Amino acid sequence: MKSIIKFFVFIMIAGLVFTSCEEDQYTEEEALEQQQLVDVVISILDASNNYSALSGATVKIAIDNKIVSDSTNSDGIVIFKDVKIGGYIVITASKGNYTSILGEVGTNITNFRQRQVHETFYMYSLASDKIATVKGRLIYESDVTNREPEPVVGAIVRVKNENLASANNQVFTGTTNATGNYEVLVPVDSRGSDYLYVYYPQIIDNQTVGVENEDGTLAIIDREVVYNVSYNSLWIDGVPSVYATVPAPAGATVGSGFALSAQAQKTSLSAYSSVYIVYGGTGYSAGTVDFSTGTNGFAAQANIGVDGNGSITSVAIINNGAVYNAKPTLNISSLGGTGAVLDVQYQTTYSIFITNKGTGYLDFPKVSVELTDYSSNILRKYVDDNINDGSDNIIGDTYILNDYSTIVNGVIYPDNGSANKDTIFYTTALASRPTFEVYNYPTIPAVLSISSGNINSDGTLASITIEEGGYGYDPFAPPTITLNTIGGFGSGAIIKAEVNTSKEISSIEVNNPGVGYLRNINDFDNNGSAFRNPSSGPTAIYNVIPGGTHICNADYGTGWQLVENE
């Protein structure tokens, strides 16, 4: 019995020893899992007062899904007990007339003996003697046609204190007023260790600018422009403040209605005509045959000669007083025979006469002619593109209109005696009536230009450039040239145009140079430039102390056009 009791005692002692060994292997991780709670200590320092403890600041955190609030003591400390470890918790802190805090506190611990986590935050006083002032003026060229930059109105300038990393109000703003001025109040620490960044806003606004239209006229327009102190500006094309316009010549063409026609002259056949033997045939007898009757009732005859085979070898024309104005026929059937082919190659002269004298002509129009004539017994068609250009003499002369007609008050008249009425010319012998087509030259408006070189440095008008003299202007009634100004710059100039015999504007005389014209209406700085790059500064401010004032101006320049110059 005693032996059994001793056995059980031994077993119990062994168990106690084993259990004691297990307890000796209790790990730090197991301790952390069982502990789970830590105290969160928050320190709030007054950065505006040499980083001294700030009492009375209200600090809030979330514990077990509940918002817990407490205030810092005289040491600037607040303690929240029994907060579960792991991750981060959000805290807020506020006090009247101070910057507020929105931050995080990590609750992870490094060993099982750690009972607290601690975080320090800084608050800045908003009292007037604890802040720095950033101020300045914003300007831009929203109207390049005047000579003063414009204030940027209603723009929000932002100033960031980089050391306010955990503050709700890290960025402070100011809005430019009607004169472009702004002011931003920024809390800073008492040691001058803060640094500030100034952010100027990008602006999209209309810009008033002088431009040249496709038709050469000038205008002042508004177009959208991006202004940014980080972008270089685009070049703006320069345009003067004055341009010249000239009316087009009267009418779409230089004259209209002129027309020519031709009429065959009555002539005897032997004068210009002949009979060409294409094929003589056989079996013909020599003899005399008649042509068809002429215009005067008489008929010419042809004396036919043949060879020994009865082939026609000659045809001699006998006029018999007959005259013709059209090709006659020849009947040889009375001579017997077969196969002969005779070609009556009729030719006569034609009178060229005006069927419509037209109106409004300052010069003769272009007139083409088409006709037929014989060359080596072959009937051919001929065309002269212009009967008045001195070439292609197919009707007997070259400068037909110049030499045989004249222009009076825009009307084209014959110039060879009233006895011929409207006839201006007689052609050489032709095989057909010539036909004419009149091409009236279209009028062409003149093109004038005024560039910076046409304007003197004192604002007077020196000259006007004739880019194209045009065509169709009346030398005896030169057109009136109009000077047009934009932006109200310049007045008083008087000019006069002259038209030469080629019906084009040949010169422009400046009788009065006027005053106040600009070489470039877009030259806003009067320095020959048509753009200004932006400038700003400073954008970073260091060693800022309470009570200090920092001037940060910005000039946005002429900006970046959303639509390029045209």
Protein backbone atom coordinates (compact mmCIF):
# COMPACT_ATOMS: atom_id res chain seq x y z
CA MET A 1 0.00 0.00 0.00
CA LYS A 2 2.80 2.43 0.87
CA SER A 3 4.46 1.60 -2.43
CA ILE A 4 1.34 2.66 -4.36
CA ILE A 5 1.13 5.97 -2.51
CA LYS A 6 4.82 6.67 -3.21
CA PHE A 7 4.18 6.06 -6.96
CA PHE A 8 1.41 8.60 -7.16
CA VAL A 9 3.47 11.20 -5.32
CA PHE A 10 6.26 10.67 -7.82
CA ILE A 11 3.88 11.12 -10.73
CA MET A 12 2.55 14.40 -9.28
CA ILE A 13 6.04 15.79 -8.70
CA ALA A 14 7.01 14.95 -12.28
CA GLY A 15 3.91 16.71 -13.54
CA LEU A 16 4.73 19.81 -11.51
CA VAL A 17 8.22 19.84 -12.92
CA PHE A 18 6.92 19.51 -16.45
CA THR A 19 4.41 22.30 -15.93
CA SER A 20 7.09 24.51 -14.49
CA CYS A 21 9.18 23.98 -17.65
CA GLU A 22 6.24 24.95 -19.89
CA GLU A 23 5.74 28.19 -17.96
CA ASP A 24 9.41 29.03 -18.36
CA GLN A 25 8.83 29.01 -22.23
CA TYR A 26 6.15 31.83 -22.15
CA THR A 27 7.02 34.14 -25.12
CA GLU A 28 6.94 37.95 -25.55
CA GLU A 29 4.49 37.53 -28.41
CA GLU A 30 2.09 35.69 -26.07
CA ALA A 31 2.46 38.51 -23.57
CA LEU A 32 1.61 41.15 -26.23
CA GLU A 33 -1.43 39.15 -27.33
CA GLN A 34 -2.69 38.95 -23.76
CA GLN A 35 -1.88 42.59 -22.89
CA GLN A 36 -3.53 44.40 -25.97
CA LEU A 37 -3.71 47.81 -24.25
CA VAL A 38 -1.44 50.87 -24.16
CA ASP A 39 -1.60 54.47 -22.99
CA VAL A 40 -1.45 57.16 -25.73
CA VAL A 41 0.43 60.28 -24.67
CA ILE A 42 -0.02 63.44 -26.79
CA SER A 43 2.23 66.49 -26.37
CA ILE A 44 1.19 69.83 -27.88
CA LEU A 45 3.84 72.52 -28.26
CA ASP A 46 3.33 76.19 -29.14
CA ALA A 47 5.60 76.74 -32.17
CA SER A 48 4.88 80.46 -32.02
CA ASN A 49 6.29 80.71 -28.49
CA ASN A 50 9.64 78.94 -28.63
CA TYR A 51 7.95 75.55 -28.77
CA SER A 52 6.73 75.82 -25.17
CA ALA A 53 4.04 73.56 -23.73
CA LEU A 54 0.53 74.57 -24.85
CA SER A 55 -2.13 73.99 -22.23
CA GLY A 56 -5.86 74.00 -22.79
CA ALA A 57 -5.78 72.46 -26.26
CA THR A 58 -8.66 70.10 -26.90
CA VAL A 59 -7.49 66.72 -28.18
CA LYS A 60 -9.82 64.04 -29.49
CA ILE A 61 -9.23 60.42 -30.46
CA ALA A 62 -11.43 57.41 -31.20
CA ILE A 63 -11.31 54.58 -28.62
CA ASP A 64 -13.49 51.51 -29.16
CA ASN A 65 -15.52 53.39 -31.76
CA LYS A 66 -16.13 56.24 -29.34
CA ILE A 67 -14.76 59.78 -29.54
CA VAL A 68 -12.82 60.56 -26.39
CA SER A 69 -11.86 64.17 -25.67
CA ASP A 70 -9.48 65.72 -23.17
CA SER A 71 -7.42 68.92 -22.78
CA THR A 72 -3.69 69.34 -22.44
CA ASN A 73 -2.40 70.15 -18.96
CA SER A 74 0.11 72.82 -18.02
CA ASP A 75 2.84 70.65 -19.49
CA GLY A 76 0.95 70.52 -22.80
CA ILE A 77 0.25 66.82 -22.30
CA VAL A 78 -2.89 64.74 -22.49
CA ILE A 79 -3.02 60.97 -21.80
CA PHE A 80 -5.59 58.51 -23.14
CA LYS A 81 -5.42 55.23 -21.20
CA ASP A 82 -6.06 51.67 -22.26
CA VAL A 83 -6.00 52.08 -26.02
CA LYS A 84 -5.80 48.89 -28.05
CA ILE A 85 -2.46 48.43 -29.76
CA GLY A 86 -1.94 47.92 -33.49
CA GLY A 87 -2.19 50.34 -36.46
CA TYR A 88 -2.79 54.07 -36.32
CA ILE A 89 -5.45 56.19 -34.70
CA VAL A 90 -6.50 59.63 -35.89
CA ILE A 91 -6.29 62.53 -33.50
CA THR A 92 -7.50 66.11 -33.77
CA ALA A 93 -6.43 69.07 -31.69
CA SER A 94 -7.77 72.61 -31.55
CA LYS A 95 -7.57 75.75 -29.50
CA GLY A 96 -9.03 79.16 -30.10
CA ASN A 97 -6.91 81.42 -32.32
CA TYR A 98 -4.49 78.59 -33.11
CA THR A 99 -4.02 76.36 -36.09
CA SER A 100 -5.79 73.05 -35.72
CA ILE A 101 -4.25 69.60 -36.03
CA LEU A 102 -5.30 66.52 -37.89
CA GLY A 103 -2.76 63.77 -37.35
CA GLU A 104 -2.08 60.13 -36.65
CA VAL A 105 -0.50 58.22 -33.77
CA GLY A 106 0.93 54.74 -34.20
CA THR A 107 -0.05 52.24 -31.47
CA ASN A 108 2.34 49.45 -32.39
CA ILE A 109 4.76 48.59 -29.57
CA THR A 110 8.14 46.93 -29.72
CA ASN A 111 8.20 44.87 -26.47
CA PHE A 112 5.74 43.56 -23.90
CA ARG A 113 7.01 45.89 -21.21
CA GLN A 114 6.05 49.04 -23.22
CA ARG A 115 2.99 50.67 -21.66
CA GLN A 116 2.90 53.95 -23.55
CA VAL A 117 3.14 55.46 -27.06
CA HIS A 118 3.98 59.12 -27.43
CA GLU A 119 3.60 61.72 -30.22
CA THR A 120 4.36 65.42 -30.30
CA PHE A 121 2.41 67.94 -32.40
CA TYR A 122 2.86 71.65 -32.98
CA MET A 123 0.26 74.38 -33.06
CA TYR A 124 0.75 77.90 -34.38
CA SER A 125 -0.83 80.99 -32.93
CA LEU A 126 -3.07 83.05 -35.18
CA ALA A 127 -2.56 86.18 -33.14
CA SER A 128 -1.64 89.22 -35.18
CA ASP A 129 1.84 89.43 -33.67
CA LYS A 130 2.56 85.76 -34.42
CA ILE A 131 2.04 85.75 -38.18
CA ALA A 132 3.99 86.73 -41.29
CA THR A 133 2.45 88.62 -44.21
CA VAL A 134 2.88 87.70 -47.87
CA LYS A 135 1.51 90.25 -50.27
CA GLY A 136 1.99 91.55 -53.76
CA ARG A 137 0.34 92.45 -57.05
CA LEU A 138 -0.58 90.29 -60.04
CA ILE A 139 -0.62 91.78 -63.53
CA TYR A 140 -0.97 90.42 -67.06
CA GLU A 141 -1.42 91.60 -70.62
CA SER A 142 -5.09 90.95 -71.19
CA ASP A 143 -5.15 93.92 -73.60
CA VAL A 144 -2.01 94.30 -75.69
CA THR A 145 -3.48 97.18 -77.70
CA ASN A 146 -3.05 99.63 -74.85
CA ARG A 147 0.12 100.66 -73.14
CA GLU A 148 -0.46 99.56 -69.55
CA PRO A 149 -0.63 96.05 -68.05
CA GLU A 150 -3.93 95.01 -66.52
CA PRO A 151 -4.45 93.88 -62.92
CA VAL A 152 -5.43 90.27 -62.35
CA VAL A 153 -8.73 90.50 -60.47
CA GLY A 154 -10.25 87.72 -58.34
CA ALA A 155 -7.28 85.34 -58.51
CA ILE A 156 -6.61 83.17 -55.45
CA VAL A 157 -2.97 83.16 -54.32
CA ARG A 158 -1.99 80.28 -52.04
CA VAL A 159 0.85 80.30 -49.51
CA LYS A 160 1.91 77.03 -47.93
CA ASN A 161 3.89 76.66 -44.71
CA GLU A 162 5.76 73.42 -45.24
CA ASN A 163 6.30 72.92 -41.47
CA LEU A 164 2.57 72.76 -40.88
CA ALA A 165 2.53 69.21 -42.16
CA SER A 166 -0.08 67.97 -39.66
CA ALA A 167 -2.23 71.09 -39.67
CA ASN A 168 -5.67 71.29 -41.19
CA ASN A 169 -4.88 74.75 -42.43
CA GLN A 170 -1.42 74.28 -43.88
CA VAL A 171 -2.29 76.42 -46.91
CA PHE A 172 -3.48 80.01 -46.54
CA THR A 173 -5.05 82.09 -49.30
CA GLY A 174 -5.67 85.62 -50.44
CA THR A 175 -7.72 86.98 -53.36
CA THR A 176 -6.57 89.79 -55.63
CA ASN A 177 -8.70 92.92 -55.54
CA ALA A 178 -9.66 95.37 -58.29
CA THR A 179 -6.08 96.65 -58.49
CA GLY A 180 -4.55 93.15 -58.56
CA ASN A 181 -3.25 93.32 -54.98
CA TYR A 182 -3.51 90.44 -52.51
CA GLU A 183 -2.48 89.75 -48.94
CA VAL A 184 -2.03 86.40 -47.21
CA LEU A 185 -1.50 86.03 -43.44
CA VAL A 186 0.52 82.92 -42.51
CA PRO A 187 1.27 81.66 -38.98
CA VAL A 188 4.96 80.93 -38.50
CA ASP A 189 7.14 79.67 -35.70
CA SER A 190 9.11 81.98 -33.44
CA ARG A 191 12.53 80.72 -34.46
CA GLY A 192 12.44 81.63 -38.13
CA SER A 193 12.87 78.02 -39.19
CA ASP A 194 9.72 77.85 -41.33
CA TYR A 195 9.81 78.21 -45.09
CA LEU A 196 6.89 79.23 -47.27
CA TYR A 197 5.92 78.48 -50.83
CA VAL A 198 3.80 80.88 -52.90
CA TYR A 199 1.53 79.35 -55.56
CA TYR A 200 0.18 81.58 -58.33
CA PRO A 201 -2.94 80.25 -60.08
CA GLN A 202 -3.18 79.47 -63.77
CA ILE A 203 -5.61 81.81 -65.49
CA ILE A 204 -7.64 81.36 -68.67
CA ASP A 205 -8.98 84.67 -69.87
CA ASN A 206 -9.74 86.66 -73.02
CA GLN A 207 -6.97 88.78 -74.46
CA THR A 208 -7.64 91.82 -76.61
CA VAL A 209 -5.24 91.85 -79.56
CA GLY A 210 -4.89 93.38 -83.01
CA VAL A 211 -4.90 90.87 -85.88
CA GLU A 212 -4.80 90.86 -89.65
CA ASN A 213 -7.73 89.17 -91.37
CA GLU A 214 -7.38 87.02 -94.47
CA ASP A 215 -8.60 89.89 -96.66
CA GLY A 216 -5.84 92.16 -95.38
CA THR A 217 -8.04 94.26 -93.13
CA LEU A 218 -7.13 94.73 -89.48
CA ALA A 219 -9.31 94.20 -86.45
CA ILE A 220 -9.18 94.12 -82.68
CA ILE A 221 -10.53 90.85 -81.33
CA ASP A 222 -10.74 88.92 -78.07
CA ARG A 223 -9.33 85.40 -77.90
CA GLU A 224 -8.73 82.91 -75.12
CA VAL A 225 -5.28 82.87 -73.57
CA VAL A 226 -3.70 80.71 -70.87
CA TYR A 227 -1.60 82.66 -68.38
CA ASN A 228 0.82 80.71 -66.22
CA VAL A 229 3.96 81.96 -64.52
CA SER A 230 5.64 78.66 -65.46
CA TYR A 231 5.03 78.99 -69.22
CA ASN A 232 6.91 81.14 -71.69
CA SER A 233 4.65 83.35 -73.77
CA LEU A 234 3.91 82.91 -77.46
CA TRP A 235 4.93 85.58 -79.95
CA ILE A 236 2.13 87.90 -81.03
CA ASP A 237 2.23 89.07 -84.64
CA GLY A 238 2.68 92.80 -84.98
CA VAL A 239 0.12 94.84 -86.91
CA PRO A 240 0.01 98.61 -87.49
CA SER A 241 -2.93 100.67 -86.30
CA VAL A 242 -3.97 101.69 -89.81
CA TYR A 243 -4.77 99.90 -93.06
CA ALA A 244 -5.88 101.10 -96.49
CA THR A 245 -8.82 99.88 -98.54
CA VAL A 246 -9.54 100.65 -102.17
CA PRO A 247 -12.77 99.90 -104.06
CA ALA A 248 -12.74 97.44 -106.90
CA PRO A 249 -13.00 98.83 -110.43
CA ALA A 250 -16.52 99.44 -111.64
CA GLY A 251 -18.02 96.37 -113.28
CA ALA A 252 -16.93 92.76 -113.40
CA THR A 253 -15.05 93.31 -116.67
CA VAL A 254 -13.39 96.24 -118.37
CA GLY A 255 -16.24 97.00 -120.72
CA SER A 256 -19.00 94.78 -122.05
CA GLY A 257 -21.13 94.18 -125.11
CA PHE A 258 -18.56 94.65 -127.84
CA ALA A 259 -19.06 92.30 -130.81
CA LEU A 260 -17.65 91.82 -134.34
CA SER A 261 -18.95 90.04 -137.38
CA ALA A 262 -17.89 89.51 -141.02
CA GLN A 263 -19.64 89.72 -144.36
CA ALA A 264 -18.41 88.24 -147.65
CA GLN A 265 -17.70 90.71 -150.46
CA LYS A 266 -19.17 90.11 -153.92
CA THR A 267 -16.30 89.19 -156.22
CA SER A 268 -15.76 87.57 -159.54
CA LEU A 269 -14.56 83.99 -159.41
CA SER A 270 -11.28 84.59 -161.14
CA ALA A 271 -10.27 87.26 -158.63
CA TYR A 272 -9.48 84.85 -155.77
CA SER A 273 -11.04 81.46 -156.61
CA SER A 274 -9.87 78.52 -158.66
CA VAL A 275 -10.93 75.02 -159.62
CA TYR A 276 -8.65 72.22 -158.50
CA ILE A 277 -8.67 68.99 -160.49
CA VAL A 278 -8.68 66.25 -157.89
CA TYR A 279 -9.14 63.48 -160.53
CA GLY A 280 -9.54 64.01 -164.31
CA GLY A 281 -11.73 60.97 -165.08
CA THR A 282 -12.11 59.54 -168.64
CA GLY A 283 -14.25 59.97 -171.70
CA TYR A 284 -14.88 63.68 -171.37
CA SER A 285 -15.17 66.09 -174.27
CA ALA A 286 -13.64 69.54 -174.20
CA GLY A 287 -16.12 72.35 -173.88
CA THR A 288 -17.60 75.16 -171.83
CA VAL A 289 -19.92 74.64 -168.84
CA ASP A 290 -21.72 76.99 -166.46
CA PHE A 291 -21.26 77.67 -162.75
CA SER A 292 -24.35 78.27 -160.64
CA THR A 293 -25.80 81.77 -160.87
CA GLY A 294 -24.10 84.56 -158.93
CA THR A 295 -25.68 87.18 -156.70
CA ASN A 296 -26.25 89.57 -159.65
CA GLY A 297 -28.10 87.02 -161.81
CA PHE A 298 -25.16 86.18 -164.03
CA ALA A 299 -23.34 82.87 -164.16
CA ALA A 300 -19.64 82.43 -164.67
CA GLN A 301 -18.39 79.72 -167.02
CA ALA A 302 -15.53 77.23 -167.07
CA ASN A 303 -13.63 76.30 -170.22
CA ILE A 304 -12.74 72.57 -169.83
CA GLY A 305 -9.70 71.05 -171.56
CA VAL A 306 -9.12 67.26 -171.90
CA ASP A 307 -6.35 64.93 -173.12
CA GLY A 308 -6.52 62.06 -175.61
CA ASN A 309 -8.25 59.77 -173.12
CA GLY A 310 -10.92 62.33 -172.34
CA SER A 311 -9.37 63.09 -168.93
CA ILE A 312 -9.93 66.66 -167.77
CA THR A 313 -6.60 68.50 -167.71
CA SER A 314 -7.56 72.18 -167.34
CA VAL A 315 -10.35 74.41 -166.07
CA ALA A 316 -10.31 78.12 -167.01
CA ILE A 317 -12.79 80.46 -165.35
CA ILE A 318 -14.76 82.90 -167.56
CA ASN A 319 -16.38 85.52 -165.34
CA ASN A 320 -19.07 86.76 -167.75
CA GLY A 321 -19.80 89.64 -165.33
CA ALA A 322 -20.94 87.30 -162.56
CA VAL A 323 -20.09 88.02 -158.92
CA TYR A 324 -20.35 85.69 -155.96
CA ASN A 325 -20.38 85.90 -152.15
CA ALA A 326 -20.63 82.14 -151.60
CA LYS A 327 -19.14 79.04 -153.13
CA PRO A 328 -20.85 78.17 -156.49
CA THR A 329 -21.29 74.73 -158.03
CA LEU A 330 -19.97 73.52 -161.42
CA ASN A 331 -21.96 71.03 -163.56
CA ILE A 332 -19.86 69.08 -166.14
CA SER A 333 -22.43 66.40 -166.99
CA SER A 334 -22.96 67.83 -170.47
CA LEU A 335 -19.37 66.86 -171.39
CA GLY A 336 -19.99 63.14 -170.96
CA GLY A 337 -17.31 60.99 -169.34
CA THR A 338 -17.09 59.60 -165.84
CA GLY A 339 -15.05 59.77 -162.65
CA ALA A 340 -13.83 63.36 -162.70
CA VAL A 341 -13.62 65.14 -159.33
CA LEU A 342 -13.35 68.93 -159.45
CA ASP A 343 -13.04 71.07 -156.28
CA VAL A 344 -14.24 74.64 -156.61
CA GLN A 345 -11.94 76.40 -154.16
CA TYR A 346 -13.94 79.53 -153.58
CA GLN A 347 -12.33 82.49 -151.81
CA THR A 348 -13.34 86.07 -151.27
CA THR A 349 -12.59 88.99 -149.00
CA TYR A 350 -14.70 89.89 -145.99
CA SER A 351 -15.60 93.15 -144.37
CA ILE A 352 -15.13 93.13 -140.59
CA PHE A 353 -17.69 95.31 -138.88
CA ILE A 354 -18.83 96.16 -135.39
CA THR A 355 -22.21 94.73 -134.51
CA ASN A 356 -22.18 96.13 -130.96
CA LYS A 357 -19.95 99.03 -129.92
CA GLY A 358 -20.20 98.08 -126.23
CA THR A 359 -19.78 100.32 -123.18
CA GLY A 360 -17.29 100.91 -120.41
CA TYR A 361 -14.13 100.05 -122.30
CA LEU A 362 -10.85 101.53 -121.17
CA ASP A 363 -8.87 99.31 -123.52
CA PHE A 364 -9.68 96.99 -126.38
CA PRO A 365 -10.86 93.55 -125.33
CA LYS A 366 -9.23 90.34 -126.45
CA VAL A 367 -10.86 89.05 -129.65
CA SER A 368 -10.13 85.66 -131.23
CA VAL A 369 -10.95 84.64 -134.82
CA GLU A 370 -11.50 81.27 -136.49
CA LEU A 371 -11.56 80.71 -140.29
CA THR A 372 -10.61 78.34 -143.11
CA ASP A 373 -8.27 78.84 -146.03
CA TYR A 374 -6.49 76.79 -148.64
CA SER A 375 -2.91 75.68 -148.30
CA SER A 376 -1.47 73.59 -151.15
CA ASN A 377 -5.05 73.02 -152.37
CA ILE A 378 -6.07 71.60 -148.96
CA LEU A 379 -8.72 73.37 -146.93
CA ARG A 380 -7.36 74.06 -143.43
CA LYS A 381 -8.74 75.71 -140.27
CA TYR A 382 -6.82 78.58 -138.68
CA VAL A 383 -7.23 80.28 -135.30
CA ASP A 384 -5.78 83.55 -134.03
CA ASP A 385 -6.19 83.86 -130.24
CA ASN A 386 -5.93 87.63 -130.35
CA ILE A 387 -6.35 89.70 -133.51
CA ASN A 388 -4.85 92.71 -131.74
CA ASP A 389 -1.56 91.38 -130.33
CA GLY A 390 0.61 91.80 -133.44
CA SER A 391 0.95 88.09 -134.27
CA ASP A 392 -0.78 85.38 -136.35
CA ASN A 393 -1.65 87.47 -139.41
CA ILE A 394 -4.36 85.20 -140.84
CA ILE A 395 -6.89 87.82 -141.87
CA GLY A 396 -4.62 90.39 -143.46
CA ASP A 397 -3.31 92.51 -140.60
CA THR A 398 -2.29 92.29 -136.94
CA TYR A 399 -3.27 95.21 -134.69
CA ILE A 400 -6.81 95.16 -136.08
CA LEU A 401 -8.57 97.02 -133.25
CA ASN A 402 -5.75 99.45 -132.52
CA ASP A 403 -5.31 100.43 -136.16
CA TYR A 404 -8.91 100.51 -137.35
CA SER A 405 -11.02 101.55 -134.34
CA THR A 406 -10.98 103.92 -131.40
CA ILE A 407 -12.47 104.20 -127.90
CA VAL A 408 -14.51 107.25 -126.97
CA ASN A 409 -16.10 107.43 -123.52
CA GLY A 410 -15.90 103.66 -123.20
CA VAL A 411 -17.51 102.99 -126.62
CA ILE A 412 -15.55 101.36 -129.47
CA TYR A 413 -16.07 103.12 -132.85
CA PRO A 414 -14.70 102.49 -136.36
CA ASP A 415 -11.74 104.75 -137.08
CA ASN A 416 -11.60 104.68 -140.88
CA GLY A 417 -14.23 107.14 -142.03
CA SER A 418 -17.97 107.42 -141.64
CA ALA A 419 -18.57 106.21 -145.21
CA ASN A 420 -17.85 102.67 -144.04
CA LYS A 421 -20.31 102.99 -141.22
CA ASP A 422 -19.45 100.20 -138.74
CA THR A 423 -16.86 98.51 -140.95
CA ILE A 424 -13.35 98.65 -139.55
CA PHE A 425 -11.36 96.36 -141.84
CA TYR A 426 -11.33 94.22 -144.99
CA THR A 427 -9.66 90.83 -144.90
CA THR A 428 -7.50 89.09 -147.43
CA ALA A 429 -9.12 86.36 -149.52
CA LEU A 430 -10.42 83.60 -147.27
CA ALA A 431 -12.22 80.32 -147.84
CA SER A 432 -14.88 80.91 -145.16
CA ARG A 433 -16.48 83.69 -143.19
CA PRO A 434 -14.36 84.38 -140.14
CA THR A 435 -16.10 84.05 -136.77
CA PHE A 436 -15.12 86.12 -133.75
CA GLU A 437 -15.31 85.66 -129.99
CA VAL A 438 -14.82 88.55 -127.59
CA TYR A 439 -13.18 88.07 -124.19
CA ASN A 440 -13.68 91.06 -121.93
CA TYR A 441 -10.82 91.29 -119.45
CA PRO A 442 -12.01 90.91 -115.86
CA THR A 443 -11.35 93.79 -113.53
CA ILE A 444 -8.91 93.15 -110.70
CA PRO A 445 -9.04 95.03 -107.40
CA ALA A 446 -5.84 96.62 -106.26
CA VAL A 447 -4.15 95.38 -103.09
CA LEU A 448 -2.54 97.90 -100.77
CA SER A 449 -0.63 97.38 -97.54
CA ILE A 450 0.71 99.42 -94.65
CA SER A 451 3.47 97.92 -92.54
CA SER A 452 5.64 99.31 -89.80
CA GLY A 453 8.03 100.60 -92.46
CA ASN A 454 5.30 102.82 -93.91
CA ILE A 455 4.90 104.68 -90.59
CA ASN A 456 7.44 107.14 -89.27
CA SER A 457 8.73 106.91 -85.72
CA ASP A 458 6.80 110.07 -84.85
CA GLY A 459 3.47 108.43 -85.75
CA THR A 460 3.04 110.08 -89.16
CA LEU A 461 2.17 108.15 -92.31
CA ALA A 462 5.14 107.98 -94.69
CA SER A 463 3.77 105.90 -97.56
CA ILE A 464 1.45 103.12 -98.69
CA THR A 465 2.76 100.02 -100.45
CA ILE A 466 1.05 98.92 -103.66
CA GLU A 467 1.11 95.12 -103.50
CA GLU A 468 -0.98 94.76 -106.67
CA GLY A 469 -2.03 97.66 -108.86
CA GLY A 470 -5.17 95.89 -110.00
CA TYR A 471 -6.71 96.34 -113.44
CA GLY A 472 -9.64 98.27 -114.80
CA TYR A 473 -9.32 101.60 -113.00
CA ASP A 474 -10.09 104.76 -114.92
CA PRO A 475 -7.05 107.00 -115.33
CA PHE A 476 -9.35 110.02 -115.45
CA ALA A 477 -11.24 109.04 -112.29
CA PRO A 478 -8.80 107.38 -109.85
CA PRO A 479 -10.40 105.49 -106.95
CA THR A 480 -10.63 107.00 -103.50
CA ILE A 481 -8.45 105.20 -100.98
CA THR A 482 -9.80 104.98 -97.43
CA LEU A 483 -7.58 104.85 -94.35
CA ASN A 484 -9.04 102.74 -91.54
CA THR A 485 -7.69 102.81 -88.00
CA ILE A 486 -8.09 100.35 -85.15
CA GLY A 487 -7.91 101.12 -81.48
CA GLY A 488 -8.35 104.84 -82.18
CA PHE A 489 -4.64 105.28 -82.94
CA GLY A 490 -3.96 107.77 -85.73
CA SER A 491 -5.89 110.33 -87.79
CA GLY A 492 -5.61 113.10 -90.32
CA ALA A 493 -3.65 111.50 -93.17
CA ILE A 494 -4.77 112.45 -96.69
CA ILE A 495 -3.72 110.37 -99.70
CA LYS A 496 -4.35 110.35 -103.43
CA ALA A 497 -4.00 107.54 -105.97
CA GLU A 498 -2.91 107.78 -109.59
CA VAL A 499 -3.88 105.35 -112.38
CA ASN A 500 -1.65 104.80 -115.42
CA THR A 501 -2.61 103.98 -119.00
CA SER A 502 -2.50 100.28 -118.12
CA LYS A 503 -5.55 100.93 -115.94
CA GLU A 504 -3.75 100.06 -112.72
CA ILE A 505 -2.92 102.09 -109.65
CA SER A 506 0.62 103.19 -110.27
CA SER A 507 1.38 105.47 -107.33
CA ILE A 508 -0.04 106.86 -104.10
CA GLU A 509 0.80 110.32 -102.90
CA VAL A 510 0.64 111.24 -99.21
CA ASN A 511 -0.62 114.83 -99.15
CA ASN A 512 -0.97 114.95 -95.35
CA PRO A 513 0.88 112.45 -93.11
CA GLY A 514 -1.52 112.76 -90.17
CA VAL A 515 -0.55 111.99 -86.57
CA GLY A 516 -0.72 109.28 -83.93
CA TYR A 517 -0.38 106.13 -86.05
CA LEU A 518 1.31 103.11 -84.47
CA ARG A 519 3.81 100.88 -86.17
CA ASN A 520 2.55 97.97 -84.07
CA ILE A 521 -0.64 98.24 -82.07
CA ASN A 522 0.39 95.08 -80.18
CA ASP A 523 3.65 96.63 -79.01
CA PHE A 524 2.31 97.16 -75.50
CA ASP A 525 5.71 98.12 -74.06
CA ASN A 526 6.70 100.42 -76.94
CA ASN A 527 10.00 98.57 -77.28
CA GLY A 528 9.48 96.81 -80.60
CA SER A 529 8.50 93.52 -78.98
CA ALA A 530 5.19 91.75 -79.22
CA PHE A 531 5.45 89.42 -76.24
CA ARG A 532 6.56 89.35 -72.62
CA ASN A 533 7.52 86.23 -70.72
CA PRO A 534 6.10 85.82 -67.22
CA SER A 535 8.07 86.60 -64.11
CA SER A 536 7.36 86.07 -60.42
CA GLY A 537 9.18 86.11 -57.20
CA PRO A 538 10.07 84.96 -54.86
CA THR A 539 8.08 81.72 -54.83
CA ALA A 540 10.01 80.24 -51.89
CA ILE A 541 10.55 82.29 -48.73
CA TYR A 542 13.01 81.18 -46.03
CA ASN A 543 13.84 82.36 -42.48
CA VAL A 544 10.34 83.67 -41.94
CA ILE A 545 9.69 85.29 -38.57
CA PRO A 546 6.48 86.62 -37.00
CA GLY A 547 5.74 90.19 -37.99
CA GLY A 548 7.74 89.99 -41.23
CA THR A 549 6.29 91.14 -44.57
CA HIS A 550 7.34 89.54 -47.85
CA ILE A 551 6.53 91.06 -51.25
CA CYS A 552 5.75 88.51 -53.97
CA ASN A 553 4.63 90.07 -57.24
CA ALA A 554 3.82 88.20 -60.45
CA ASP A 555 3.67 89.37 -64.05
CA TYR A 556 1.98 86.76 -66.25
CA GLY A 557 3.15 88.46 -69.45
CA THR A 558 1.26 87.90 -72.70
CA GLY A 559 0.37 84.28 -72.07
CA TRP A 560 -0.08 81.30 -74.33
CA GLN A 561 -2.72 81.67 -77.03
CA LEU A 562 -5.15 78.78 -77.28
CA VAL A 563 -5.64 79.79 -80.92
CA GLU A 564 -2.48 80.74 -82.74
CA ASN A 565 -2.17 84.01 -84.65
CA GLU A 566 -3.58 84.07 -88.11
